[in-house]
Structures are given as structure tokens and as C-alpha cells.
Protein backbone atom coordinates (compact mmCIF):
# COMPACT_ATOMS: atom_id res chain seq x y z
CA MET A 1 108.09 173.98 126.54
CA PHE A 2 108.32 177.60 125.33
CA ASP A 3 108.05 180.49 127.83
CA ILE A 4 105.28 182.40 126.31
CA GLY A 5 103.28 184.75 128.58
CA TRP A 6 99.96 186.31 128.03
CA SER A 7 101.47 189.52 126.78
CA GLU A 8 103.24 187.79 124.02
CA LEU A 9 100.22 185.84 123.15
CA MET A 10 98.24 189.14 122.70
CA LEU A 11 100.89 190.59 120.52
CA ILE A 12 101.11 187.46 118.18
CA GLY A 13 97.32 187.85 118.04
CA ILE A 14 97.12 191.32 116.77
CA VAL A 15 100.01 190.60 114.39
CA ALA A 16 97.95 187.63 113.18
CA LEU A 17 94.75 189.81 112.85
CA ILE A 18 96.48 192.52 110.88
CA VAL A 19 98.20 190.40 108.70
CA ILE A 20 96.00 187.47 107.80
CA GLY A 21 92.88 189.59 108.26
CA PRO A 22 89.50 188.87 110.12
CA LYS A 23 87.75 186.65 107.29
CA GLU A 24 90.72 184.42 107.26
CA LEU A 25 91.59 184.23 110.57
CA PRO A 26 89.34 181.29 112.00
CA THR A 27 90.32 178.91 109.05
CA VAL A 28 93.98 179.52 109.87
CA LEU A 29 93.37 179.03 113.63
CA ARG A 30 91.59 175.82 112.93
CA THR A 31 94.60 174.52 110.83
CA VAL A 32 97.02 175.45 113.20
CA GLY A 33 94.90 173.79 115.71
CA ARG A 34 94.86 170.39 113.71
CA THR A 35 98.59 170.65 113.13
CA VAL A 36 99.40 171.19 116.79
CA THR A 37 97.05 168.00 117.42
CA LYS A 38 98.68 165.94 114.73
CA LEU A 39 102.30 166.84 116.25
CA ARG A 40 101.03 165.95 119.69
CA ARG A 41 99.80 162.71 118.49
CA MET A 42 102.79 161.74 116.70
CA ALA A 43 104.92 162.72 119.80
CA GLY A 44 103.06 160.57 122.24
CA GLU A 45 103.31 157.83 119.60
CA PHE A 46 106.82 158.06 119.50
CA GLN A 47 107.16 158.37 123.19
CA GLY A 48 105.39 155.27 123.69
CA GLN A 49 107.41 153.59 121.27
CA PHE A 50 110.58 154.59 122.95
CA GLN A 51 109.21 153.66 126.49
CA GLU A 52 108.33 150.16 125.01
CA ALA A 53 111.80 149.80 123.59
CA LEU A 54 113.23 150.84 127.00
CA ARG A 55 110.98 148.28 128.87
CA GLU A 56 112.08 145.56 126.50
CA ALA A 57 115.77 146.33 126.74
CA ASP A 58 115.27 146.27 130.59
CA LEU A 59 113.44 143.12 130.63
CA ALA A 60 116.36 141.47 128.31
CA ASP A 61 118.76 142.66 130.78
CA MET A 62 116.69 141.15 133.62
CA ARG A 63 116.38 137.85 132.05
CA LYS A 64 120.20 137.89 131.45
CA GLU A 65 120.98 138.38 135.08
CA ILE A 66 118.38 135.97 136.24
CA SER A 67 119.88 133.08 133.92
CA ASP A 68 123.35 134.08 135.31
CA VAL A 69 122.30 134.10 138.99
CA THR A 70 120.56 130.80 138.03
CA GLU A 71 123.65 129.11 136.27
CA THR A 72 126.00 130.26 139.33
CA ALA A 73 123.57 128.87 141.93
CA ARG A 74 123.40 125.58 140.04
CA SER A 75 127.06 125.70 139.84
CA THR A 76 127.43 126.15 143.28
CA LEU A 77 125.04 123.74 144.47
CA ALA A 78 126.46 120.93 142.25
CA THR A 79 130.20 121.29 143.57
CA SER A 80 129.23 122.04 147.33
CA ASP A 81 128.21 119.40 149.96
CA MET A 82 125.13 120.41 151.31
CA PHE A 83 123.63 118.99 154.49
CA ASP A 84 121.19 116.26 153.41
CA PRO A 85 119.57 114.73 156.20
CA LEU A 86 118.05 111.92 154.16
CA ARG A 87 121.47 110.76 153.14
CA SER A 88 123.01 111.01 156.31
CA ILE A 89 119.99 108.59 157.83
CA ARG A 90 120.33 106.27 154.92
CA GLU A 91 123.98 105.73 155.36
CA GLU A 92 123.75 105.23 159.18
CA ILE A 93 121.15 102.64 158.39
CA ARG A 94 122.98 101.09 155.92
CA SER A 95 126.28 100.95 158.18
CA THR A 96 124.32 99.50 161.10
CA VAL A 97 122.56 96.89 158.87
CA GLU A 98 126.01 95.62 157.27
CA GLY A 99 127.56 95.65 160.72
CA ALA A 100 124.93 93.59 162.48
CA ASN A 101 124.55 90.97 159.54
CA PRO A 102 127.77 90.34 157.78
CA THR A 103 127.01 88.89 154.49
CA PRO A 104 127.51 84.99 154.52
CA PRO A 105 129.96 83.58 152.06
CA ALA A 106 128.71 82.36 149.13
CA PRO A 107 127.87 78.49 149.24
CA ALA A 108 129.93 76.22 147.09
CA PRO A 109 128.19 74.76 144.11
CA GLU A 110 127.24 71.39 144.83
CA ALA A 111 127.12 68.35 142.23
CA PRO A 112 123.67 67.69 140.75
CA ILE A 113 121.43 65.02 142.35
CA ALA A 114 120.99 61.92 140.33
CA LEU A 115 117.34 60.93 140.07
CA PRO A 116 116.68 57.11 139.61
CA ASP A 117 115.08 55.88 136.50
CA LEU A 118 111.18 55.72 136.64
CA PRO A 119 109.04 53.23 134.75
CA PRO A 120 106.84 55.03 132.34
CA PRO A 121 103.39 55.98 133.83
CA VAL A 122 100.79 53.37 133.67
CA GLU A 123 97.06 54.38 132.34
CA LEU A 124 94.47 53.45 134.94
CA PRO A 125 90.76 52.93 133.75
CA ASP A 126 88.36 55.63 134.79
CA PRO A 127 86.50 54.21 137.56
CA MET A 128 83.40 56.74 137.36
CA ALA A 129 83.14 55.45 133.87
CA ALA A 130 81.70 51.90 134.74
CA ILE A 131 79.34 53.63 137.57
CA ARG A 132 77.85 56.09 134.79
CA ALA A 133 77.10 53.25 132.36
CA GLU A 134 75.33 51.19 135.24
CA ILE A 135 73.27 54.28 136.11
CA ARG A 136 72.22 54.90 132.38
CA ARG A 137 71.30 51.30 131.93
CA SER A 138 69.33 51.12 135.04
CA VAL A 139 67.31 54.25 134.15
CA GLU A 140 66.53 53.14 130.69
CA ALA A 141 65.39 49.91 131.93
CA ALA A 142 62.89 51.37 134.62
CA VAL A 143 61.20 53.94 132.22
CA PRO A 144 60.00 52.63 128.79
CA PRO A 145 59.59 55.19 126.16
CA ALA A 146 56.14 56.17 125.69
CA PRO A 147 54.40 56.16 122.31
CA VAL A 148 53.49 59.51 121.15
CA ALA A 149 49.77 59.64 119.86
CA PRO A 150 48.35 62.59 118.17
CA PRO A 151 45.67 64.19 120.15
CA ALA A 152 42.11 63.36 119.38
CA VAL A 153 39.61 66.07 118.65
CA ALA A 154 35.84 65.65 118.25
CA VAL A 155 34.10 67.97 115.67
CA GLU A 156 30.60 67.77 115.92
CA PRO A 157 28.22 68.88 113.25
CA ALA A 158 26.54 72.23 113.48
CA PRO A 159 22.89 71.99 114.38
CA GLU A 160 20.31 72.63 111.38
CA SER A 161 18.18 75.11 113.57
CA LEU A 162 20.79 77.63 113.97
CA PRO A 163 21.18 79.97 111.06
CA VAL A 164 24.59 80.44 109.57
CA ALA A 165 26.17 83.36 108.95
CA GLY A 166 25.69 85.09 105.78
CA GLU A 167 22.68 82.45 104.98
CA THR A 168 19.20 83.68 104.85
CA LYS A 169 16.20 81.25 105.52
CA SER A 170 13.74 80.72 102.25
CA ALA A 171 10.77 79.20 102.87
């Protein structure tokens, strides 16, 4: 930055000691140190912002270049007839199949076939209905319904010799 050697610094220090005085010199040096620190901090922030702006400008230029290259590549690929092995194989198979099996001519439309008039359907009786009814009748005849009687329960009186709960014998 500045080209100041040790001899110049000694001269500045002696002049400051004479002009400012030994009593105020430490506070002045402290203030100068704080000011220099603030200036360095502001210079660092400015330099950082400047570097960030340069990076953003470079990124914007790079993005523009990439989009230009991409657009050029797309237009080149769209207009050029590139080698596509799948397309060539597909065309070979299609030509082979069409050459081996020529498409047959479409058949001429025929007159509609006339159906004879049929009589209306006849409803037939259900053959199983008669069999089911016969089985039901034979089962009912073989097993008569049994009358249901209430069950008989015999209740015996309690013997008198046994004491009943809660009673006391009195003589």
C-alpha cells in the first residue's frame, strides 16, 4: 500500500509524541487503531460485494452461453437426418412384411341374409316341480308331527326333620 519504512515510522512516532504529548498518546493511538480496523472492515465488505457481483455477472453470461449452445444443438438435431438404427430396422421389417403379404382386396358387401319367420317360443312346464311336490308329500306322510308336551317336573316336599335356613327350633 504505502511505502513506509522503519525510519519513517520512528520519525512519525517522535513527532506525534512531541505534538500530542505522552498523556494523550495512548488514547489517540487506540482511536487510530479502531478507525483503521473500521476502514479495513468496510474495504473487505466492499471487496466481497464486488466479487459477488462479478460472480453473478459471470453466471449470467455462462447461462446465456449455455442456452445459446443448447438452442443451436436442438435446431441442428431437428434439421439433420441422424443415423437412427431403430428407425432403419423398423422400415426394413415393414417393407419385408408388405412385400410378402400384399394386402388383399376388400370383399364386396354381400346382401343381408334373410332369416325365416319362427313361431313364438313355447313355455314348457318345469319337470322338476312335479318331482319336488311328490317328495314333499311323501316326507310329510311318513313323519307325523309329534305333539309337544311340557316337561314334567316332580317337586318333593322338604322333610320336616331338617332345619330350614333362618328358622330356629323352639321346644
